[in-house]
Amino acid sequence: MKMKLAALALAFAAALPAQAALTNNAADIGNAIVVDFEAYDGFFTTGPEAVAPGVIFTGDADSQLGGFIADLGNNGLWGAGNHFAATGFIGELRFTFAELTASAGALVNHFANNDLPFSVVVSAYGDNNQIIESYTLAVSTGAASLNEGLFLGITRDVADIRSISFKGNGVVVDNLAVAAPVPEPETYAMLLAGLGLIGMAARRRT
């Protein structure tokens, strides 16, 4: 009876949605692969474009990889020797991962003035392109700022993020961070078994 109850509890826990958290700290994306877009130089593309192994970029019309200057209005300027990804005036930058990840994020800013909202939408998508988390956040860095922004990241307690997107007016993104895939439990089991066999072989030799 106890075994059945334990199995039911485990099944119920597995059916619960993954817990998520919004983070403004790049360090929360542990063991991250970082894409800085320095390999590009003003490349206008809607994608798909591989920006790193296992990371595919897609964007709306007028999206750019390796942007080198962007006037963000009341949010200052981006550029001065620093390359980044950028949307057109209104758009979306999306990064899709070959392997599901538990966390991803980037340094983000956007164009803003008195007539446009100071906000960016960051969304995480699972398989089948469904939104699993979405946040609308204010980013305000001041008209005199240079290459400033806010790190916007989403972390989950399981690796179920297939892609992350940033939407808004004149969005700019740099230092995209993606948590490296975590080996499955079966991989750990095989590794331990292999180490055990090596240990046994070493003992026999001695």
N, C-alpha and C. Protein backbone atom coordinates (compact mmCIF):
# COMPACT_ATOMS: atom_id res chain seq x y z
N MET A 1 0.83 -1.20 0.00
CA MET A 1 0.00 0.00 0.00
C MET A 1 0.87 1.27 0.00
N LYS A 2 1.93 1.23 0.87
CA LYS A 2 2.82 2.38 0.94
C LYS A 2 3.52 2.62 -0.39
N MET A 3 3.91 1.50 -1.06
CA MET A 3 4.57 1.62 -2.36
C MET A 3 3.65 2.28 -3.38
N LYS A 4 2.35 1.88 -3.35
CA LYS A 4 1.38 2.45 -4.29
C LYS A 4 1.20 3.95 -4.03
N LEU A 5 1.11 4.33 -2.75
CA LEU A 5 0.96 5.75 -2.41
C LEU A 5 2.18 6.55 -2.85
N ALA A 6 3.36 5.98 -2.65
CA ALA A 6 4.58 6.68 -3.06
C ALA A 6 4.61 6.86 -4.58
N ALA A 7 4.19 5.82 -5.31
CA ALA A 7 4.17 5.91 -6.77
C ALA A 7 3.17 6.96 -7.24
N LEU A 8 2.00 7.03 -6.57
CA LEU A 8 1.01 8.03 -6.92
C LEU A 8 1.52 9.45 -6.64
N ALA A 9 2.23 9.61 -5.51
CA ALA A 9 2.78 10.92 -5.16
C ALA A 9 3.80 11.37 -6.19
N LEU A 10 4.65 10.41 -6.64
CA LEU A 10 5.65 10.75 -7.65
C LEU A 10 4.99 11.13 -8.98
N ALA A 11 3.96 10.39 -9.35
CA ALA A 11 3.25 10.68 -10.60
C ALA A 11 2.59 12.05 -10.53
N PHE A 12 2.01 12.39 -9.38
CA PHE A 12 1.37 13.70 -9.20
C PHE A 12 2.40 14.82 -9.29
N ALA A 13 3.56 14.61 -8.65
CA ALA A 13 4.62 15.63 -8.68
C ALA A 13 5.11 15.83 -10.09
N ALA A 14 5.23 14.75 -10.87
CA ALA A 14 5.70 14.87 -12.24
C ALA A 14 4.71 15.63 -13.12
N ALA A 15 3.41 15.56 -12.75
CA ALA A 15 2.39 16.22 -13.55
C ALA A 15 2.29 17.72 -13.25
N LEU A 16 2.88 18.18 -12.14
CA LEU A 16 2.82 19.59 -11.79
C LEU A 16 3.65 20.42 -12.75
N PRO A 17 3.26 21.68 -13.02
CA PRO A 17 4.05 22.53 -13.90
C PRO A 17 5.39 22.88 -13.28
N ALA A 18 6.39 23.08 -14.13
CA ALA A 18 7.71 23.45 -13.64
C ALA A 18 7.64 24.83 -13.00
N GLN A 19 8.38 25.01 -11.91
CA GLN A 19 8.46 26.31 -11.26
C GLN A 19 9.40 27.21 -12.06
N ALA A 20 9.02 28.45 -12.20
CA ALA A 20 9.83 29.37 -13.01
C ALA A 20 10.16 30.61 -12.19
N ALA A 21 11.20 31.28 -12.63
CA ALA A 21 11.57 32.53 -11.98
C ALA A 21 12.15 33.47 -13.02
N LEU A 22 11.78 34.72 -12.91
CA LEU A 22 12.38 35.77 -13.73
C LEU A 22 13.64 36.24 -13.02
N THR A 23 14.73 36.41 -13.74
CA THR A 23 15.97 36.86 -13.11
C THR A 23 16.56 38.03 -13.86
N ASN A 24 17.19 38.93 -13.12
CA ASN A 24 17.93 40.05 -13.70
C ASN A 24 19.43 39.88 -13.49
N ASN A 25 19.84 38.65 -13.13
CA ASN A 25 21.24 38.35 -12.83
C ASN A 25 21.74 37.28 -13.79
N ALA A 26 22.70 37.65 -14.65
CA ALA A 26 23.23 36.70 -15.63
C ALA A 26 23.87 35.49 -14.97
N ALA A 27 24.35 35.65 -13.73
CA ALA A 27 24.98 34.54 -13.03
C ALA A 27 23.99 33.42 -12.71
N ASP A 28 22.69 33.72 -12.75
CA ASP A 28 21.69 32.68 -12.49
C ASP A 28 21.58 31.69 -13.64
N ILE A 29 22.14 32.04 -14.81
CA ILE A 29 22.15 31.11 -15.94
C ILE A 29 23.44 30.31 -15.81
N GLY A 30 23.40 29.30 -14.97
CA GLY A 30 24.62 28.55 -14.63
C GLY A 30 25.22 27.82 -15.82
N ASN A 31 26.56 27.73 -15.84
CA ASN A 31 27.29 27.00 -16.88
C ASN A 31 26.82 27.41 -18.27
N ALA A 32 26.79 28.72 -18.51
CA ALA A 32 26.12 29.26 -19.69
C ALA A 32 27.00 29.28 -20.93
N ILE A 33 26.35 29.05 -22.07
CA ILE A 33 26.92 29.36 -23.38
C ILE A 33 26.53 30.81 -23.65
N VAL A 34 27.50 31.68 -23.98
CA VAL A 34 27.22 33.10 -24.19
C VAL A 34 27.46 33.48 -25.65
N VAL A 35 26.47 34.14 -26.26
CA VAL A 35 26.57 34.61 -27.64
C VAL A 35 26.67 36.14 -27.60
N ASP A 36 27.80 36.69 -28.11
CA ASP A 36 28.00 38.14 -28.03
C ASP A 36 27.82 38.86 -29.38
N PHE A 37 27.55 38.11 -30.46
CA PHE A 37 27.26 38.67 -31.79
C PHE A 37 28.43 39.43 -32.41
N GLU A 38 29.62 39.28 -31.85
CA GLU A 38 30.79 39.97 -32.42
C GLU A 38 31.23 39.35 -33.75
N ALA A 39 30.77 38.14 -34.05
CA ALA A 39 31.13 37.49 -35.31
C ALA A 39 30.36 38.07 -36.49
N TYR A 40 29.38 38.93 -36.22
CA TYR A 40 28.55 39.52 -37.28
C TYR A 40 28.84 41.02 -37.38
N ASP A 41 28.55 41.56 -38.57
CA ASP A 41 28.80 42.99 -38.78
C ASP A 41 27.68 43.59 -39.63
N GLY A 42 26.59 43.95 -38.97
CA GLY A 42 25.48 44.59 -39.66
C GLY A 42 24.76 43.68 -40.64
N PHE A 43 24.57 42.41 -40.27
CA PHE A 43 23.93 41.42 -41.14
C PHE A 43 22.42 41.45 -40.94
N PHE A 44 21.69 41.96 -41.95
CA PHE A 44 20.22 42.00 -41.87
C PHE A 44 19.68 40.64 -42.30
N THR A 45 18.90 40.02 -41.44
CA THR A 45 18.37 38.70 -41.75
C THR A 45 17.17 38.40 -40.86
N THR A 46 16.24 37.63 -41.40
CA THR A 46 15.14 37.11 -40.58
C THR A 46 15.46 35.69 -40.11
N GLY A 47 16.59 35.15 -40.57
CA GLY A 47 16.98 33.81 -40.19
C GLY A 47 16.28 32.76 -41.04
N PRO A 48 16.42 31.50 -40.69
CA PRO A 48 17.19 31.01 -39.52
C PRO A 48 18.69 31.15 -39.73
N GLU A 49 19.38 31.48 -38.65
CA GLU A 49 20.83 31.66 -38.66
C GLU A 49 21.40 31.06 -37.37
N ALA A 50 22.38 30.16 -37.53
CA ALA A 50 23.03 29.57 -36.36
C ALA A 50 24.01 30.59 -35.78
N VAL A 51 23.73 31.11 -34.59
CA VAL A 51 24.61 32.10 -33.97
C VAL A 51 25.59 31.47 -33.00
N ALA A 52 25.39 30.19 -32.69
CA ALA A 52 26.29 29.40 -31.85
C ALA A 52 25.87 27.95 -32.05
N PRO A 53 26.73 26.99 -31.71
CA PRO A 53 26.33 25.59 -31.84
C PRO A 53 25.04 25.31 -31.06
N GLY A 54 24.02 24.85 -31.76
CA GLY A 54 22.76 24.53 -31.10
C GLY A 54 21.86 25.71 -30.79
N VAL A 55 22.20 26.92 -31.30
CA VAL A 55 21.38 28.12 -31.05
C VAL A 55 21.04 28.76 -32.41
N ILE A 56 19.75 28.79 -32.73
CA ILE A 56 19.28 29.31 -34.02
C ILE A 56 18.51 30.60 -33.81
N PHE A 57 18.88 31.64 -34.57
CA PHE A 57 18.21 32.94 -34.51
C PHE A 57 17.14 33.04 -35.59
N THR A 58 15.98 33.60 -35.23
CA THR A 58 14.98 34.05 -36.20
C THR A 58 14.46 35.40 -35.74
N GLY A 59 14.07 36.24 -36.70
CA GLY A 59 13.56 37.56 -36.34
C GLY A 59 12.59 38.09 -37.37
N ASP A 60 11.97 39.21 -37.06
CA ASP A 60 11.06 39.86 -37.98
C ASP A 60 11.84 40.63 -39.04
N ALA A 61 11.11 41.20 -39.99
CA ALA A 61 11.73 42.03 -41.04
C ALA A 61 12.56 43.13 -40.39
N ASP A 62 13.72 43.41 -41.00
CA ASP A 62 14.66 44.43 -40.53
C ASP A 62 15.45 44.02 -39.30
N SER A 63 15.35 42.75 -38.88
CA SER A 63 16.19 42.30 -37.76
C SER A 63 17.64 42.24 -38.22
N GLN A 64 18.55 42.44 -37.27
CA GLN A 64 19.97 42.58 -37.61
C GLN A 64 20.83 41.84 -36.59
N LEU A 65 21.84 41.15 -37.11
CA LEU A 65 22.87 40.54 -36.26
C LEU A 65 24.16 41.33 -36.43
N GLY A 66 24.81 41.62 -35.32
CA GLY A 66 26.03 42.43 -35.40
C GLY A 66 25.76 43.89 -35.61
N GLY A 67 24.63 44.38 -35.10
CA GLY A 67 24.37 45.81 -35.16
C GLY A 67 25.46 46.57 -34.42
N PHE A 68 25.83 47.77 -34.91
CA PHE A 68 26.92 48.52 -34.28
C PHE A 68 26.52 49.91 -33.83
N ILE A 69 25.28 50.34 -34.14
CA ILE A 69 24.79 51.62 -33.62
C ILE A 69 23.27 51.56 -33.54
N ALA A 70 22.72 52.00 -32.44
CA ALA A 70 21.27 52.06 -32.28
C ALA A 70 20.92 53.23 -31.38
N ASP A 71 20.08 54.13 -31.89
CA ASP A 71 19.56 55.25 -31.10
C ASP A 71 18.31 54.76 -30.40
N LEU A 72 18.35 54.69 -29.07
CA LEU A 72 17.23 54.17 -28.29
C LEU A 72 16.39 55.29 -27.68
N GLY A 73 16.50 56.50 -28.21
CA GLY A 73 15.69 57.61 -27.72
C GLY A 73 15.99 57.91 -26.27
N ASN A 74 14.97 57.87 -25.44
CA ASN A 74 15.15 58.17 -24.02
C ASN A 74 15.92 57.10 -23.26
N ASN A 75 16.26 56.00 -23.95
CA ASN A 75 17.07 54.94 -23.32
C ASN A 75 18.53 54.99 -23.76
N GLY A 76 18.95 56.07 -24.45
CA GLY A 76 20.36 56.26 -24.76
C GLY A 76 20.78 55.66 -26.08
N LEU A 77 22.05 55.24 -26.14
CA LEU A 77 22.65 54.69 -27.37
C LEU A 77 23.26 53.33 -27.09
N TRP A 78 23.25 52.49 -28.14
CA TRP A 78 24.04 51.24 -28.12
C TRP A 78 24.99 51.30 -29.29
N GLY A 79 26.21 50.80 -29.10
CA GLY A 79 27.20 50.76 -30.17
C GLY A 79 28.58 50.99 -29.62
N ALA A 80 29.33 51.89 -30.26
CA ALA A 80 30.70 52.23 -29.83
C ALA A 80 31.57 50.98 -29.73
N GLY A 81 31.67 50.25 -30.85
CA GLY A 81 32.54 49.08 -30.88
C GLY A 81 31.93 47.82 -30.31
N ASN A 82 30.67 47.87 -29.91
CA ASN A 82 30.01 46.70 -29.34
C ASN A 82 28.92 46.22 -30.29
N HIS A 83 29.01 44.99 -30.78
CA HIS A 83 28.01 44.44 -31.68
C HIS A 83 26.90 43.74 -30.90
N PHE A 84 25.70 43.73 -31.49
CA PHE A 84 24.53 43.21 -30.79
C PHE A 84 23.50 42.76 -31.82
N ALA A 85 22.41 42.15 -31.36
CA ALA A 85 21.27 41.81 -32.23
C ALA A 85 20.19 42.87 -32.03
N ALA A 86 19.44 43.18 -33.10
CA ALA A 86 18.44 44.23 -33.01
C ALA A 86 17.25 43.92 -33.90
N THR A 87 16.05 44.35 -33.46
CA THR A 87 14.87 44.27 -34.30
C THR A 87 14.78 45.52 -35.16
N GLY A 88 13.77 45.54 -36.05
CA GLY A 88 13.41 46.78 -36.70
C GLY A 88 12.68 47.66 -35.69
N PHE A 89 11.88 48.62 -36.19
CA PHE A 89 11.21 49.54 -35.27
C PHE A 89 10.29 48.80 -34.31
N ILE A 90 9.55 47.82 -34.80
CA ILE A 90 8.74 46.95 -33.94
C ILE A 90 9.06 45.52 -34.35
N GLY A 91 9.40 44.67 -33.41
CA GLY A 91 9.75 43.32 -33.82
C GLY A 91 10.04 42.37 -32.69
N GLU A 92 10.56 41.22 -33.09
CA GLU A 92 10.86 40.14 -32.15
C GLU A 92 12.18 39.49 -32.54
N LEU A 93 13.00 39.20 -31.55
CA LEU A 93 14.20 38.39 -31.71
C LEU A 93 13.96 37.09 -30.97
N ARG A 94 14.10 35.96 -31.69
CA ARG A 94 13.88 34.67 -31.04
C ARG A 94 15.11 33.79 -31.22
N PHE A 95 15.44 33.06 -30.16
CA PHE A 95 16.57 32.14 -30.18
C PHE A 95 16.05 30.75 -29.78
N THR A 96 16.25 29.79 -30.68
CA THR A 96 15.74 28.44 -30.49
C THR A 96 16.90 27.50 -30.25
N PHE A 97 16.72 26.55 -29.33
CA PHE A 97 17.81 25.70 -28.88
C PHE A 97 17.61 24.25 -29.35
N ALA A 98 18.69 23.66 -29.85
CA ALA A 98 18.62 22.28 -30.32
C ALA A 98 18.31 21.34 -29.16
N GLU A 99 18.83 21.66 -27.98
CA GLU A 99 18.55 20.88 -26.77
C GLU A 99 17.72 21.73 -25.82
N LEU A 100 16.73 21.13 -25.19
CA LEU A 100 15.95 21.86 -24.19
C LEU A 100 16.87 22.36 -23.08
N THR A 101 16.59 23.56 -22.58
CA THR A 101 17.41 24.14 -21.53
C THR A 101 16.52 24.56 -20.35
N ALA A 102 17.13 24.72 -19.18
CA ALA A 102 16.39 25.13 -18.00
C ALA A 102 16.42 26.63 -17.78
N SER A 103 17.30 27.35 -18.49
CA SER A 103 17.37 28.80 -18.28
C SER A 103 18.07 29.48 -19.44
N ALA A 104 17.62 30.71 -19.70
CA ALA A 104 18.21 31.52 -20.77
C ALA A 104 17.86 32.98 -20.51
N GLY A 105 18.67 33.88 -21.06
CA GLY A 105 18.40 35.30 -20.90
C GLY A 105 19.42 36.13 -21.66
N ALA A 106 19.29 37.44 -21.61
CA ALA A 106 20.20 38.33 -22.33
C ALA A 106 20.13 39.73 -21.74
N LEU A 107 21.16 40.53 -22.07
CA LEU A 107 21.13 41.95 -21.76
C LEU A 107 20.25 42.62 -22.81
N VAL A 108 19.25 43.38 -22.36
CA VAL A 108 18.21 43.89 -23.27
C VAL A 108 17.97 45.38 -23.04
N ASN A 109 17.68 46.09 -24.13
CA ASN A 109 17.16 47.45 -24.05
C ASN A 109 16.27 47.66 -25.28
N HIS A 110 15.72 48.87 -25.44
CA HIS A 110 14.80 49.12 -26.55
C HIS A 110 14.62 50.62 -26.74
N PHE A 111 14.04 50.98 -27.87
CA PHE A 111 13.74 52.39 -28.13
C PHE A 111 12.53 52.82 -27.30
N ALA A 112 12.62 53.99 -26.72
CA ALA A 112 11.50 54.53 -25.94
C ALA A 112 11.50 56.05 -26.01
N ASN A 113 10.31 56.62 -25.99
CA ASN A 113 10.17 58.07 -25.85
C ASN A 113 8.86 58.35 -25.13
N ASN A 114 8.46 59.59 -25.11
CA ASN A 114 7.26 59.94 -24.34
C ASN A 114 5.99 59.33 -24.93
N ASP A 115 6.04 58.91 -26.20
CA ASP A 115 4.85 58.35 -26.84
C ASP A 115 4.85 56.82 -26.88
N LEU A 116 5.99 56.20 -26.55
CA LEU A 116 6.09 54.74 -26.62
C LEU A 116 6.37 54.17 -25.24
N PRO A 117 5.86 52.97 -24.96
CA PRO A 117 6.01 52.40 -23.62
C PRO A 117 7.45 52.00 -23.32
N PHE A 118 7.84 52.14 -22.07
CA PHE A 118 9.14 51.67 -21.62
C PHE A 118 8.97 50.20 -21.21
N SER A 119 8.86 49.31 -22.17
CA SER A 119 8.66 47.91 -21.81
C SER A 119 9.12 46.96 -22.91
N VAL A 120 9.54 45.77 -22.48
CA VAL A 120 9.95 44.69 -23.35
C VAL A 120 9.22 43.44 -22.88
N VAL A 121 8.82 42.59 -23.82
CA VAL A 121 8.19 41.32 -23.47
C VAL A 121 9.21 40.21 -23.68
N VAL A 122 9.52 39.47 -22.62
CA VAL A 122 10.39 38.31 -22.73
C VAL A 122 9.54 37.07 -22.50
N SER A 123 9.66 36.09 -23.41
CA SER A 123 8.82 34.89 -23.35
C SER A 123 9.67 33.65 -23.56
N ALA A 124 9.35 32.60 -22.81
CA ALA A 124 9.98 31.29 -23.01
C ALA A 124 8.94 30.36 -23.61
N TYR A 125 9.38 29.58 -24.59
CA TYR A 125 8.50 28.64 -25.29
C TYR A 125 9.00 27.22 -25.06
N GLY A 126 8.05 26.30 -24.93
CA GLY A 126 8.40 24.89 -24.86
C GLY A 126 8.28 24.25 -26.22
N ASP A 127 8.27 22.92 -26.24
CA ASP A 127 8.04 22.22 -27.50
C ASP A 127 6.64 22.56 -28.01
N ASN A 128 6.43 22.38 -29.31
CA ASN A 128 5.16 22.73 -29.96
C ASN A 128 4.89 24.22 -29.97
N ASN A 129 5.94 25.04 -29.65
CA ASN A 129 5.85 26.49 -29.76
C ASN A 129 4.85 27.13 -28.79
N GLN A 130 4.54 26.45 -27.69
CA GLN A 130 3.61 27.04 -26.73
C GLN A 130 4.38 27.90 -25.72
N ILE A 131 3.78 29.05 -25.32
CA ILE A 131 4.41 29.91 -24.31
C ILE A 131 4.28 29.23 -22.95
N ILE A 132 5.41 29.09 -22.26
CA ILE A 132 5.37 28.53 -20.91
C ILE A 132 5.60 29.60 -19.85
N GLU A 133 6.22 30.71 -20.23
CA GLU A 133 6.37 31.86 -19.33
C GLU A 133 6.46 33.12 -20.19
N SER A 134 5.85 34.22 -19.72
CA SER A 134 5.96 35.48 -20.44
C SER A 134 5.86 36.64 -19.45
N TYR A 135 6.73 37.63 -19.62
CA TYR A 135 6.76 38.78 -18.71
C TYR A 135 6.91 40.06 -19.52
N THR A 136 6.19 41.10 -19.11
CA THR A 136 6.36 42.43 -19.68
C THR A 136 7.07 43.29 -18.64
N LEU A 137 8.23 43.82 -19.02
CA LEU A 137 9.07 44.49 -18.04
C LEU A 137 9.48 45.87 -18.51
N ALA A 138 9.57 46.79 -17.58
CA ALA A 138 10.03 48.14 -17.88
C ALA A 138 11.55 48.17 -17.94
N VAL A 139 12.08 48.81 -18.98
CA VAL A 139 13.53 49.04 -19.09
C VAL A 139 13.72 50.53 -19.33
N SER A 140 14.37 51.21 -18.40
CA SER A 140 14.58 52.65 -18.51
C SER A 140 16.00 52.96 -18.05
N THR A 141 16.87 53.37 -19.01
CA THR A 141 18.28 53.57 -18.68
C THR A 141 18.73 55.02 -18.80
N GLY A 142 17.89 55.90 -19.33
CA GLY A 142 18.25 57.31 -19.41
C GLY A 142 18.84 57.68 -20.76
N ALA A 143 18.57 58.89 -21.20
CA ALA A 143 18.96 59.36 -22.54
C ALA A 143 20.47 59.48 -22.70
N ALA A 144 21.22 59.61 -21.61
CA ALA A 144 22.68 59.76 -21.69
C ALA A 144 23.41 58.42 -21.57
N SER A 145 22.68 57.33 -21.45
CA SER A 145 23.33 56.03 -21.23
C SER A 145 23.95 55.50 -22.52
N LEU A 146 24.98 54.66 -22.37
CA LEU A 146 25.66 54.03 -23.50
C LEU A 146 25.83 52.55 -23.22
N ASN A 147 25.28 51.71 -24.10
CA ASN A 147 25.39 50.25 -23.98
C ASN A 147 24.85 49.73 -22.64
N GLU A 148 23.87 50.43 -22.10
CA GLU A 148 23.28 49.96 -20.85
C GLU A 148 21.98 49.22 -21.14
N GLY A 149 21.56 48.40 -20.20
CA GLY A 149 20.32 47.65 -20.36
C GLY A 149 20.01 46.89 -19.09
N LEU A 150 19.09 45.96 -19.20
CA LEU A 150 18.68 45.13 -18.08
C LEU A 150 18.78 43.68 -18.51
N PHE A 151 19.42 42.86 -17.69
CA PHE A 151 19.46 41.43 -18.01
C PHE A 151 18.08 40.85 -17.72
N LEU A 152 17.51 40.19 -18.73
CA LEU A 152 16.20 39.56 -18.59
C LEU A 152 16.36 38.08 -18.88
N GLY A 153 16.13 37.27 -17.86
CA GLY A 153 16.29 35.82 -18.02
C GLY A 153 15.15 35.07 -17.36
N ILE A 154 14.93 33.86 -17.82
CA ILE A 154 13.92 32.97 -17.25
C ILE A 154 14.60 31.67 -16.85
N THR A 155 14.38 31.24 -15.62
CA THR A 155 14.92 29.97 -15.15
C THR A 155 13.77 29.05 -14.76
N ARG A 156 13.95 27.77 -15.02
CA ARG A 156 12.94 26.76 -14.71
C ARG A 156 13.61 25.65 -13.91
N ASP A 157 12.81 24.86 -13.19
CA ASP A 157 13.41 23.78 -12.41
C ASP A 157 13.57 22.49 -13.21
N VAL A 158 13.12 22.50 -14.46
CA VAL A 158 13.39 21.39 -15.38
C VAL A 158 13.79 21.99 -16.73
N ALA A 159 14.50 21.22 -17.54
CA ALA A 159 14.92 21.70 -18.86
C ALA A 159 13.78 21.52 -19.84
N ASP A 160 12.92 22.55 -19.95
CA ASP A 160 11.78 22.47 -20.87
C ASP A 160 11.65 23.70 -21.76
N ILE A 161 12.69 24.55 -21.81
CA ILE A 161 12.67 25.75 -22.67
C ILE A 161 13.27 25.40 -24.03
N ARG A 162 12.47 25.52 -25.08
CA ARG A 162 12.96 25.28 -26.44
C ARG A 162 13.44 26.58 -27.09
N SER A 163 12.82 27.72 -26.73
CA SER A 163 13.27 29.00 -27.29
C SER A 163 12.90 30.14 -26.36
N ILE A 164 13.58 31.27 -26.56
CA ILE A 164 13.29 32.48 -25.80
C ILE A 164 13.20 33.63 -26.78
N SER A 165 12.28 34.57 -26.52
CA SER A 165 12.12 35.70 -27.43
C SER A 165 12.05 37.01 -26.66
N PHE A 166 12.41 38.09 -27.37
CA PHE A 166 12.38 39.44 -26.84
C PHE A 166 11.64 40.31 -27.85
N LYS A 167 10.53 40.95 -27.41
CA LYS A 167 9.68 41.71 -28.33
C LYS A 167 9.51 43.14 -27.83
N GLY A 168 9.37 44.06 -28.78
CA GLY A 168 9.11 45.43 -28.41
C GLY A 168 9.48 46.39 -29.52
N ASN A 169 9.63 47.66 -29.16
CA ASN A 169 9.98 48.71 -30.11
C ASN A 169 11.50 48.86 -30.16
N GLY A 170 12.09 48.60 -31.33
CA GLY A 170 13.53 48.78 -31.49
C GLY A 170 14.33 48.05 -30.44
N VAL A 171 14.05 46.76 -30.24
CA VAL A 171 14.72 45.98 -29.19
C VAL A 171 16.16 45.68 -29.59
N VAL A 172 17.07 45.79 -28.63
CA VAL A 172 18.47 45.39 -28.81
C VAL A 172 18.83 44.37 -27.74
N VAL A 173 19.63 43.38 -28.14
CA VAL A 173 19.96 42.25 -27.26
C VAL A 173 21.44 41.94 -27.39
N ASP A 174 22.11 41.70 -26.28
CA ASP A 174 23.52 41.30 -26.32
C ASP A 174 23.77 40.26 -25.23
N ASN A 175 24.89 39.56 -25.38
CA ASN A 175 25.34 38.56 -24.40
C ASN A 175 24.22 37.59 -24.04
N LEU A 176 23.63 36.99 -25.08
CA LEU A 176 22.63 35.95 -24.86
C LEU A 176 23.28 34.80 -24.10
N ALA A 177 22.69 34.41 -22.99
CA ALA A 177 23.22 33.32 -22.15
C ALA A 177 22.23 32.17 -22.12
N VAL A 178 22.72 30.97 -22.41
CA VAL A 178 21.88 29.77 -22.43
C VAL A 178 22.55 28.71 -21.57
N ALA A 179 21.81 28.16 -20.61
CA ALA A 179 22.38 27.11 -19.76
C ALA A 179 22.71 25.89 -20.61
N ALA A 180 23.92 25.38 -20.45
CA ALA A 180 24.33 24.20 -21.21
C ALA A 180 23.46 23.02 -20.82
N PRO A 181 23.17 22.12 -21.78
CA PRO A 181 22.32 20.97 -21.46
C PRO A 181 22.91 20.14 -20.32
N VAL A 182 22.02 19.66 -19.44
CA VAL A 182 22.42 18.80 -18.32
C VAL A 182 22.25 17.36 -18.75
N PRO A 183 23.27 16.49 -18.55
CA PRO A 183 23.12 15.09 -18.95
C PRO A 183 21.93 14.43 -18.26
N GLU A 184 21.24 13.56 -19.01
CA GLU A 184 20.11 12.82 -18.46
C GLU A 184 20.61 11.84 -17.39
N PRO A 185 19.74 11.41 -16.46
CA PRO A 185 20.15 10.44 -15.43
C PRO A 185 20.76 9.17 -16.03
N GLU A 186 20.25 8.76 -17.21
CA GLU A 186 20.79 7.55 -17.84
C GLU A 186 22.26 7.75 -18.21
N THR A 187 22.61 8.99 -18.61
CA THR A 187 23.99 9.29 -18.97
C THR A 187 24.90 9.16 -17.75
N TYR A 188 24.43 9.69 -16.58
CA TYR A 188 25.20 9.56 -15.36
C TYR A 188 25.37 8.09 -15.00
N ALA A 189 24.31 7.30 -15.16
CA ALA A 189 24.37 5.87 -14.82
C ALA A 189 25.41 5.17 -15.68
N MET A 190 25.43 5.48 -16.98
CA MET A 190 26.41 4.87 -17.87
C MET A 190 27.83 5.29 -17.50
N LEU A 191 27.99 6.57 -17.12
CA LEU A 191 29.31 7.05 -16.73
C LEU A 191 29.80 6.33 -15.48
N LEU A 192 28.92 6.18 -14.48
CA LEU A 192 29.30 5.49 -13.25
C LEU A 192 29.63 4.03 -13.52
N ALA A 193 28.83 3.39 -14.39
CA ALA A 193 29.10 1.99 -14.73
C ALA A 193 30.46 1.87 -15.41
N GLY A 194 30.77 2.81 -16.31
CA GLY A 194 32.06 2.78 -16.99
C GLY A 194 33.21 2.97 -16.02
N LEU A 195 33.05 3.91 -15.07
CA LEU A 195 34.09 4.12 -14.07
C LEU A 195 34.28 2.87 -13.21
N GLY A 196 33.16 2.21 -12.89
CA GLY A 196 33.23 0.97 -12.11
C GLY A 196 34.01 -0.10 -12.84
N LEU A 197 33.77 -0.26 -14.13
CA LEU A 197 34.49 -1.26 -14.92
C LEU A 197 35.98 -0.93 -15.00
N ILE A 198 36.30 0.36 -15.15
CA ILE A 198 37.71 0.76 -15.18
C ILE A 198 38.38 0.42 -13.85
N GLY A 199 37.65 0.70 -12.75
CA GLY A 199 38.19 0.39 -11.42
C GLY A 199 38.44 -1.10 -11.24
N MET A 200 37.49 -1.93 -11.70
CA MET A 200 37.64 -3.39 -11.59
C MET A 200 38.83 -3.87 -12.42
N ALA A 201 38.98 -3.31 -13.63
CA ALA A 201 40.10 -3.71 -14.49
C ALA A 201 41.42 -3.33 -13.85
N ALA A 202 41.48 -2.14 -13.20
CA ALA A 202 42.72 -1.70 -12.56
C ALA A 202 43.06 -2.61 -11.39
N ARG A 203 42.04 -3.06 -10.63
CA ARG A 203 42.28 -3.95 -9.49
C ARG A 203 42.82 -5.29 -9.96
N ARG A 204 42.28 -5.82 -11.05
CA ARG A 204 42.76 -7.11 -11.57
C ARG A 204 44.22 -7.05 -12.00
N ARG A 205 44.59 -5.90 -12.56
CA ARG A 205 45.99 -5.78 -13.00
C ARG A 205 46.96 -5.77 -11.81
N THR A 206 46.52 -5.17 -10.69
CA THR A 206 47.40 -5.12 -9.52
C THR A 206 47.32 -6.41 -8.74
